[in-house]
Amino acid sequence: MFESIAAFWAEYGNVLTDGVWDTLVMVVISTAFAYLIGLPLGVALILTQPHGIRPHRGVYRVLDWIVNIGRSVPFLSLIHLSEPTRLLSSSYAVFCLKKKMTYL
């Protein structure tokens, strides 16, 4: 059994370690962007909300709109990724569209 594991690592070890390293780099970069953008945005939302420390309706509405648009981006990418399965009618996006069409 150990021979097969050694053979596997000899053949695929470099590919796996490169993949793990690339994944870790992407996670660290995306986490840094999330903190650098999300933390100030969240603090500004809390401060400018109607019952916040410095309420400001205009700033709050603009920031709220930006956050709501930004929140939908991951779902749009998931819908885009599930598009090739549309012919199989197995993707969630197609399910939602078919469900919506039955109500129209």
Protein backbone atom coordinates (compact mmCIF):
# COMPACT_ATOMS: atom_id res chain seq x y z
CA MET A 1 0.00 0.00 0.00
CA PHE A 2 2.80 2.42 0.83
CA GLU A 3 4.33 1.71 -2.57
CA SER A 4 1.16 2.84 -4.31
CA ILE A 5 1.03 6.01 -2.21
CA ALA A 6 4.68 6.71 -3.00
CA ALA A 7 4.03 6.12 -6.69
CA PHE A 8 1.02 8.45 -6.57
CA TRP A 9 3.04 11.23 -4.91
CA ALA A 10 5.92 10.69 -7.33
CA GLU A 11 3.57 11.17 -10.27
CA TYR A 12 1.12 13.79 -8.96
CA GLY A 13 2.87 15.38 -5.97
CA ASN A 14 4.10 18.46 -7.83
CA VAL A 15 0.68 19.12 -9.35
CA LEU A 16 -1.05 18.76 -5.97
CA THR A 17 1.39 20.98 -4.10
CA ASP A 18 1.18 23.64 -6.84
CA GLY A 19 -2.61 23.50 -6.67
CA VAL A 20 -2.65 23.80 -2.88
CA TRP A 21 -0.20 26.71 -3.00
CA ASP A 22 -2.23 28.52 -5.68
CA THR A 23 -5.41 28.00 -3.65
CA LEU A 24 -3.82 29.39 -0.49
CA VAL A 25 -2.53 32.45 -2.36
CA MET A 26 -5.99 33.13 -3.81
CA VAL A 27 -7.64 32.75 -0.40
CA VAL A 28 -5.15 35.12 1.25
CA ILE A 29 -5.53 37.74 -1.50
CA SER A 30 -9.33 37.59 -1.49
CA THR A 31 -9.41 37.74 2.31
CA ALA A 32 -7.16 40.82 2.28
CA PHE A 33 -9.44 42.53 -0.25
CA ALA A 34 -12.50 41.59 1.79
CA TYR A 35 -11.01 43.15 4.92
CA LEU A 36 -9.65 46.23 3.15
CA ILE A 37 -12.94 46.96 1.40
CA GLY A 38 -15.54 45.34 3.66
CA LEU A 39 -14.43 46.60 7.06
CA PRO A 40 -14.47 50.33 6.24
CA LEU A 41 -17.70 49.88 4.30
CA GLY A 42 -19.34 48.08 7.21
CA VAL A 43 -18.19 50.67 9.72
CA ALA A 44 -19.48 53.47 7.50
CA LEU A 45 -22.84 51.69 7.18
CA ILE A 46 -23.16 51.30 10.94
CA LEU A 47 -22.18 54.91 11.59
CA THR A 48 -24.54 56.41 8.98
CA GLN A 49 -27.59 54.21 9.55
CA PRO A 50 -30.75 56.01 10.75
CA HIS A 51 -30.08 55.21 14.41
CA GLY A 52 -26.29 55.31 14.12
CA ILE A 53 -23.77 57.63 15.72
CA ARG A 54 -23.67 59.97 12.68
CA PRO A 55 -26.91 59.36 10.74
CA HIS A 56 -26.75 60.48 7.13
CA ARG A 57 -29.53 59.21 4.90
CA GLY A 58 -27.84 59.87 1.54
CA VAL A 59 -24.53 58.26 2.39
CA TYR A 60 -26.28 55.31 3.99
CA ARG A 61 -28.49 54.68 0.94
CA VAL A 62 -25.52 54.81 -1.46
CA LEU A 63 -23.42 52.48 0.69
CA ASP A 64 -26.37 50.15 1.19
CA TRP A 65 -26.88 49.98 -2.56
CA ILE A 66 -23.17 49.23 -3.14
CA VAL A 67 -23.25 46.44 -0.55
CA ASN A 68 -26.40 44.90 -2.04
CA ILE A 69 -24.90 44.90 -5.55
CA GLY A 70 -21.61 43.48 -4.25
CA ARG A 71 -23.46 40.74 -2.39
CA SER A 72 -25.07 39.49 -5.59
CA VAL A 73 -21.80 39.09 -7.54
CA PRO A 74 -20.92 35.60 -6.20
CA PHE A 75 -24.38 34.33 -7.07
CA LEU A 76 -24.11 35.69 -10.59
CA SER A 77 -20.83 33.85 -11.07
CA LEU A 78 -22.42 30.63 -9.79
CA ILE A 79 -25.28 31.03 -12.24
CA HIS A 80 -22.74 31.61 -15.01
CA LEU A 81 -20.84 28.46 -14.01
CA SER A 82 -24.00 26.38 -13.95
CA GLU A 83 -25.04 27.49 -17.43
CA PRO A 84 -23.41 24.53 -19.26
CA THR A 85 -25.75 22.19 -17.38
CA ARG A 86 -28.78 24.05 -18.70
CA LEU A 87 -29.45 21.41 -21.34
CA LEU A 88 -29.52 18.78 -18.62
CA SER A 89 -32.05 20.89 -16.68
CA SER A 90 -30.18 20.10 -13.50
CA SER A 91 -28.81 23.50 -12.54
CA TYR A 92 -30.37 25.64 -9.86
CA ALA A 93 -30.58 28.63 -12.19
CA VAL A 94 -32.63 26.68 -14.72
CA PHE A 95 -34.83 25.36 -11.92
CA CYS A 96 -35.54 28.93 -10.77
CA LEU A 97 -36.23 30.11 -14.31
CA LYS A 98 -38.60 27.22 -14.97
CA LYS A 99 -40.33 27.88 -11.66
CA LYS A 100 -40.71 31.55 -12.55
CA MET A 101 -42.08 30.71 -16.00
CA THR A 102 -44.84 28.57 -14.51
CA TYR A 103 -46.11 31.56 -12.51
CA LEU A 104 -46.24 33.88 -15.53
